[in-house]
N, C-alpha and C. Protein backbone atom coordinates (compact mmCIF):
# COMPACT_ATOMS: atom_id res chain seq x y z
N MET A 1 -2.41 -24.16 -11.24
CA MET A 1 -2.73 -22.91 -11.37
C MET A 1 -4.12 -22.50 -10.66
N ILE A 2 -5.08 -23.46 -10.73
CA ILE A 2 -6.34 -23.19 -10.11
C ILE A 2 -6.08 -23.16 -8.57
N LYS A 3 -5.23 -24.18 -8.24
CA LYS A 3 -5.07 -24.25 -6.59
C LYS A 3 -4.22 -22.90 -6.19
N SER A 4 -3.40 -22.47 -7.17
CA SER A 4 -2.73 -21.15 -6.79
C SER A 4 -3.68 -20.04 -6.56
N LEU A 5 -4.64 -19.90 -7.68
CA LEU A 5 -5.65 -18.84 -7.64
C LEU A 5 -6.39 -19.06 -6.45
N LEU A 6 -6.99 -20.17 -6.20
CA LEU A 6 -7.82 -20.51 -5.23
C LEU A 6 -7.05 -19.99 -3.66
N ASN A 7 -5.76 -20.41 -3.61
CA ASN A 7 -5.13 -20.02 -2.23
C ASN A 7 -4.90 -18.47 -2.12
N GLU A 8 -4.61 -17.90 -3.33
CA GLU A 8 -4.73 -16.49 -3.47
C GLU A 8 -5.93 -15.75 -2.90
N THR A 9 -7.16 -16.29 -3.38
CA THR A 9 -8.30 -15.93 -2.98
C THR A 9 -8.69 -16.14 -1.41
N LEU A 10 -8.29 -17.25 -0.80
CA LEU A 10 -8.19 -17.65 0.45
C LEU A 10 -7.51 -16.56 1.37
N ASP A 11 -6.35 -16.16 0.78
CA ASP A 11 -5.39 -15.43 1.52
C ASP A 11 -6.25 -14.05 1.57
N VAL A 12 -6.79 -13.51 0.70
CA VAL A 12 -7.46 -12.08 0.61
C VAL A 12 -8.75 -12.32 1.67
N GLU A 13 -9.31 -13.32 1.60
CA GLU A 13 -10.39 -13.45 2.68
C GLU A 13 -9.93 -13.45 3.97
N ASP A 14 -8.82 -14.16 4.22
CA ASP A 14 -8.07 -14.12 5.56
C ASP A 14 -7.74 -12.71 6.08
N ILE A 15 -7.31 -11.98 4.98
CA ILE A 15 -6.79 -10.51 5.41
C ILE A 15 -8.00 -9.48 5.83
N ILE A 16 -9.17 -9.95 4.97
CA ILE A 16 -10.32 -9.28 5.28
C ILE A 16 -10.85 -9.50 6.59
N ILE A 17 -10.94 -10.69 6.92
CA ILE A 17 -11.46 -11.26 8.33
C ILE A 17 -10.44 -10.61 9.45
N GLU A 18 -9.27 -10.75 9.19
CA GLU A 18 -8.28 -10.27 10.20
C GLU A 18 -8.51 -8.67 10.45
N SER A 19 -8.65 -7.86 9.40
CA SER A 19 -8.91 -6.48 9.25
C SER A 19 -10.25 -6.14 10.18
N LEU A 20 -11.32 -6.92 9.90
CA LEU A 20 -12.51 -6.86 10.54
C LEU A 20 -12.28 -7.04 12.03
N LYS A 21 -11.52 -7.99 12.39
CA LYS A 21 -11.34 -8.35 13.81
C LYS A 21 -10.56 -7.12 14.47
N ASP A 22 -9.50 -6.71 13.68
CA ASP A 22 -8.86 -5.47 14.42
C ASP A 22 -9.73 -4.35 14.48
N MET A 23 -10.56 -4.02 13.56
CA MET A 23 -11.41 -3.04 13.75
C MET A 23 -12.32 -3.21 14.89
N VAL A 24 -12.88 -4.33 15.22
CA VAL A 24 -13.75 -4.72 16.30
C VAL A 24 -13.02 -4.33 17.45
N LYS A 25 -11.67 -4.97 17.60
CA LYS A 25 -10.91 -4.62 18.72
C LYS A 25 -10.72 -3.28 19.02
N ASP A 26 -10.23 -2.44 17.90
CA ASP A 26 -10.02 -1.06 18.38
C ASP A 26 -11.30 -0.20 18.85
N GLU A 27 -12.44 -0.64 18.31
CA GLU A 27 -13.70 -0.04 18.82
C GLU A 27 -13.98 -0.35 20.50
N VAL A 28 -13.77 -1.65 20.60
CA VAL A 28 -13.90 -2.00 21.94
C VAL A 28 -12.79 -1.26 22.92
N LYS A 29 -11.52 -1.27 22.44
CA LYS A 29 -10.63 -0.48 23.28
C LYS A 29 -11.16 1.01 23.38
N LYS A 30 -11.77 1.61 22.44
CA LYS A 30 -12.11 2.94 22.40
C LYS A 30 -13.14 3.06 23.67
N HIS A 31 -14.12 1.98 23.62
CA HIS A 31 -15.15 2.13 24.84
C HIS A 31 -14.62 1.79 26.04
N ILE A 32 -13.72 1.01 26.17
CA ILE A 32 -12.98 0.92 27.46
C ILE A 32 -12.23 1.89 27.99
N LYS A 33 -11.60 2.49 27.18
CA LYS A 33 -10.75 3.60 27.47
C LYS A 33 -11.69 4.88 27.97
N ALA A 34 -12.79 5.03 27.24
CA ALA A 34 -13.76 6.10 27.46
C ALA A 34 -14.47 5.90 28.95
N ALA A 35 -14.87 4.52 29.23
CA ALA A 35 -15.28 4.17 30.43
C ALA A 35 -14.26 4.47 31.66
N LEU A 36 -13.16 4.18 31.55
CA LEU A 36 -12.19 4.39 32.51
C LEU A 36 -11.64 5.75 32.79
N ASP A 37 -11.66 6.51 31.48
CA ASP A 37 -11.42 7.97 31.79
C ASP A 37 -12.63 8.70 32.44
N LYS A 38 -13.63 7.96 32.58
CA LYS A 38 -15.02 8.80 33.17
C LYS A 38 -14.78 8.12 34.83
N ASP A 39 -14.08 7.18 34.95
CA ASP A 39 -13.86 6.70 36.46
C ASP A 39 -12.41 6.50 36.99
N PRO A 40 -11.85 7.53 37.21
CA PRO A 40 -10.33 7.39 37.55
C PRO A 40 -10.13 6.53 38.77
N GLY A 41 -11.10 6.10 39.47
CA GLY A 41 -10.89 5.29 40.85
C GLY A 41 -10.81 3.84 40.10
N LEU A 42 -11.69 3.55 39.15
CA LEU A 42 -11.79 2.35 38.60
C LEU A 42 -10.42 2.00 37.85
N LYS A 43 -10.06 3.25 36.92
CA LYS A 43 -8.87 3.07 36.21
C LYS A 43 -7.58 2.65 37.16
N ARG A 44 -7.59 3.38 38.29
CA ARG A 44 -6.40 3.10 39.12
C ARG A 44 -6.52 1.54 39.80
N GLU A 45 -7.66 1.27 40.12
CA GLU A 45 -7.97 0.04 40.62
C GLU A 45 -7.63 -1.28 39.69
N LEU A 46 -7.87 -0.93 38.28
CA LEU A 46 -7.38 -1.80 37.30
C LEU A 46 -5.87 -1.92 37.05
N LYS A 47 -5.50 -0.62 37.18
CA LYS A 47 -3.84 -0.56 36.99
C LYS A 47 -3.22 -1.31 38.14
N GLU A 48 -3.72 -1.23 39.29
CA GLU A 48 -3.29 -1.87 40.53
C GLU A 48 -3.33 -3.39 40.23
N ALA A 49 -4.48 -4.00 39.79
CA ALA A 49 -4.58 -5.38 39.60
C ALA A 49 -3.84 -5.77 38.41
N VAL A 50 -3.56 -5.11 37.37
CA VAL A 50 -2.73 -5.47 36.31
C VAL A 50 -1.32 -5.77 36.95
N ASN A 51 -0.77 -4.71 37.68
CA ASN A 51 0.56 -4.78 38.07
C ASN A 51 0.86 -5.83 39.14
N LEU A 52 -0.26 -6.10 40.01
CA LEU A 52 -0.26 -7.32 40.85
C LEU A 52 -0.21 -8.73 40.05
N TYR A 53 -0.83 -8.62 39.01
CA TYR A 53 -0.89 -9.93 37.87
C TYR A 53 0.49 -10.07 37.44
N LEU A 54 0.97 -9.02 36.93
CA LEU A 54 2.28 -9.21 36.24
C LEU A 54 3.39 -9.60 37.29
N GLU A 55 3.32 -9.06 38.47
CA GLU A 55 4.10 -9.59 39.60
C GLU A 55 3.90 -11.04 39.89
N ALA A 56 2.73 -11.50 40.16
CA ALA A 56 2.55 -12.80 40.36
C ALA A 56 2.98 -13.73 39.18
N ARG A 57 2.90 -13.22 38.00
CA ARG A 57 3.43 -14.13 36.81
C ARG A 57 4.84 -14.04 36.85
N ALA A 58 5.49 -13.13 37.16
CA ALA A 58 7.13 -13.04 37.39
C ALA A 58 7.48 -13.95 38.54
N LYS A 59 6.85 -13.86 39.52
CA LYS A 59 7.20 -14.81 40.72
C LYS A 59 6.95 -16.23 40.24
N GLN A 60 5.81 -16.55 39.66
CA GLN A 60 5.48 -17.99 39.09
C GLN A 60 6.69 -18.49 38.09
N ILE A 61 7.23 -17.63 37.20
CA ILE A 61 8.23 -17.92 36.34
C ILE A 61 9.68 -17.99 37.08
N TYR A 62 9.87 -17.35 38.21
CA TYR A 62 10.95 -17.54 39.15
C TYR A 62 10.98 -18.90 39.81
N ALA A 63 9.79 -19.01 40.41
CA ALA A 63 9.57 -20.50 40.91
C ALA A 63 9.90 -21.47 40.02
N ALA A 64 9.31 -21.43 38.73
CA ALA A 64 9.61 -22.57 37.89
C ALA A 64 11.11 -22.59 37.51
N VAL A 65 11.72 -21.56 37.62
CA VAL A 65 13.14 -21.52 37.39
C VAL A 65 13.85 -22.41 38.37
N LEU A 66 13.52 -22.05 39.57
CA LEU A 66 14.04 -22.46 40.84
C LEU A 66 13.85 -24.08 40.92
N LEU A 67 12.52 -24.54 40.62
CA LEU A 67 12.15 -25.85 40.52
C LEU A 67 13.24 -26.67 39.52
N ALA A 68 13.26 -26.06 38.38
CA ALA A 68 14.27 -26.55 37.29
C ALA A 68 15.49 -26.64 37.90
N LYS A 69 16.08 -25.73 38.49
CA LYS A 69 17.59 -25.67 39.06
C LYS A 69 17.63 -26.65 40.01
N GLY A 70 16.49 -27.05 40.97
CA GLY A 70 16.68 -28.06 41.95
C GLY A 70 16.47 -29.42 41.48
N ALA A 71 15.65 -29.46 40.43
CA ALA A 71 15.85 -30.95 39.72
C ALA A 71 16.96 -31.22 38.91
N THR A 72 17.53 -30.35 38.42
CA THR A 72 18.79 -30.50 37.62
C THR A 72 19.90 -31.14 38.78
N LYS A 73 19.93 -30.23 39.80
CA LYS A 73 21.08 -30.61 41.11
C LYS A 73 20.75 -32.04 41.57
N LEU A 74 19.35 -32.31 41.66
CA LEU A 74 19.00 -33.53 42.14
C LEU A 74 19.54 -34.54 41.19
N GLY A 75 19.02 -34.27 39.96
CA GLY A 75 19.50 -35.46 38.84
C GLY A 75 21.00 -35.59 38.82
N LEU A 76 21.79 -34.49 38.80
CA LEU A 76 23.03 -34.66 38.62
C LEU A 76 23.81 -35.46 39.81
N SER A 77 22.98 -35.16 41.16
CA SER A 77 23.63 -35.56 42.44
C SER A 77 23.67 -37.24 42.42
N ILE A 78 22.73 -37.70 41.67
CA ILE A 78 22.39 -39.12 41.81
C ILE A 78 23.10 -40.03 40.76
N MET A 79 23.85 -39.12 39.86
CA MET A 79 24.51 -39.92 38.74
C MET A 79 25.88 -40.23 38.90
N PRO A 80 26.32 -41.29 38.21
CA PRO A 80 27.80 -41.72 38.46
C PRO A 80 28.59 -40.42 37.97
N GLY A 81 29.90 -40.30 38.53
CA GLY A 81 30.75 -39.23 38.30
C GLY A 81 31.02 -38.92 36.79
N ASP A 82 31.28 -40.04 35.89
CA ASP A 82 31.77 -39.74 34.62
C ASP A 82 30.28 -39.28 33.85
N MET A 83 29.28 -39.74 34.17
CA MET A 83 28.01 -39.36 33.49
C MET A 83 27.78 -37.75 33.91
N LYS A 84 27.99 -37.53 35.13
CA LYS A 84 27.64 -36.33 35.82
C LYS A 84 28.25 -35.09 35.04
N LYS A 85 29.70 -35.39 34.89
CA LYS A 85 30.44 -34.52 33.92
C LYS A 85 29.84 -34.15 32.45
N ASP A 86 29.54 -35.37 32.00
CA ASP A 86 29.06 -35.07 30.48
C ASP A 86 27.58 -34.54 30.53
N LEU A 87 26.80 -34.93 31.46
CA LEU A 87 25.58 -34.13 31.46
C LEU A 87 25.52 -32.67 31.92
N SER A 88 26.49 -32.57 32.74
CA SER A 88 26.66 -31.13 33.13
C SER A 88 27.10 -30.12 32.08
N LYS A 89 27.98 -30.58 31.23
CA LYS A 89 28.47 -30.03 29.96
C LYS A 89 27.16 -29.87 29.10
N GLU A 90 26.34 -30.69 28.84
CA GLU A 90 25.07 -30.66 28.04
C GLU A 90 24.26 -29.78 28.66
N VAL A 91 24.02 -29.89 29.70
CA VAL A 91 23.05 -28.85 30.56
C VAL A 91 23.38 -27.46 30.39
N MET A 92 24.80 -27.15 30.64
CA MET A 92 25.34 -25.86 30.27
C MET A 92 25.22 -25.35 28.81
N SER A 93 25.33 -26.15 28.04
CA SER A 93 25.14 -25.81 26.60
C SER A 93 23.81 -25.42 26.27
N ILE A 94 22.80 -26.24 26.79
CA ILE A 94 21.46 -25.93 26.60
C ILE A 94 21.08 -24.69 27.16
N LEU A 95 21.53 -24.57 28.24
CA LEU A 95 21.11 -23.29 28.95
C LEU A 95 21.69 -21.99 28.22
N GLU A 96 23.01 -22.19 27.78
CA GLU A 96 23.69 -21.04 27.14
C GLU A 96 22.65 -20.76 25.86
N LYS A 97 22.32 -21.70 25.10
CA LYS A 97 21.54 -21.52 23.92
C LYS A 97 20.28 -20.90 24.38
N GLU A 98 19.55 -21.39 25.22
CA GLU A 98 18.35 -20.80 25.63
C GLU A 98 18.25 -19.52 26.22
N LEU A 99 19.32 -19.08 27.13
CA LEU A 99 19.59 -17.95 27.59
C LEU A 99 19.89 -16.74 26.41
N GLY A 100 20.74 -17.29 25.41
CA GLY A 100 20.96 -16.43 24.41
C GLY A 100 19.83 -16.16 23.64
N GLN A 101 18.88 -17.01 23.34
CA GLN A 101 17.57 -16.85 22.75
C GLN A 101 16.67 -15.82 23.45
N ILE A 102 16.57 -15.98 24.84
CA ILE A 102 15.78 -15.13 25.64
C ILE A 102 16.35 -13.62 25.58
N MET A 103 17.47 -13.62 25.70
CA MET A 103 18.27 -12.18 25.76
C MET A 103 18.01 -11.61 24.32
N GLU A 104 18.15 -12.32 23.04
CA GLU A 104 17.73 -11.81 22.04
C GLU A 104 16.43 -11.24 21.69
N THR A 105 15.47 -11.99 22.17
CA THR A 105 14.07 -11.69 22.21
C THR A 105 13.81 -10.41 23.10
N ALA A 106 14.36 -10.41 24.35
CA ALA A 106 14.15 -9.31 25.23
C ALA A 106 14.88 -8.01 24.77
N LEU A 107 15.81 -8.03 24.07
CA LEU A 107 16.55 -6.63 23.50
C LEU A 107 15.87 -6.51 22.26
């Protein structure tokens, strides 16, 4: 009972701390927005930089996918025939599950 009460008290403290963090973040966002509204050139510059960053991250993810694809092909090419078939099925099963989860998250 005491442990439960203590946990509830700590949960309330955590909620208060998180709320205060959110309030500080909101104030910082307001100051940043005001500064950017005063300087449209800086706002455009930062927007372009963010777009370039997101594009670079997308390219990085694409490159990682291509590396994984190449490594999988290499691994399969050096395996004996019967193992290759079994491993191919396993890889496809894993990819189907992973892609399904990604699609669920994205949609």
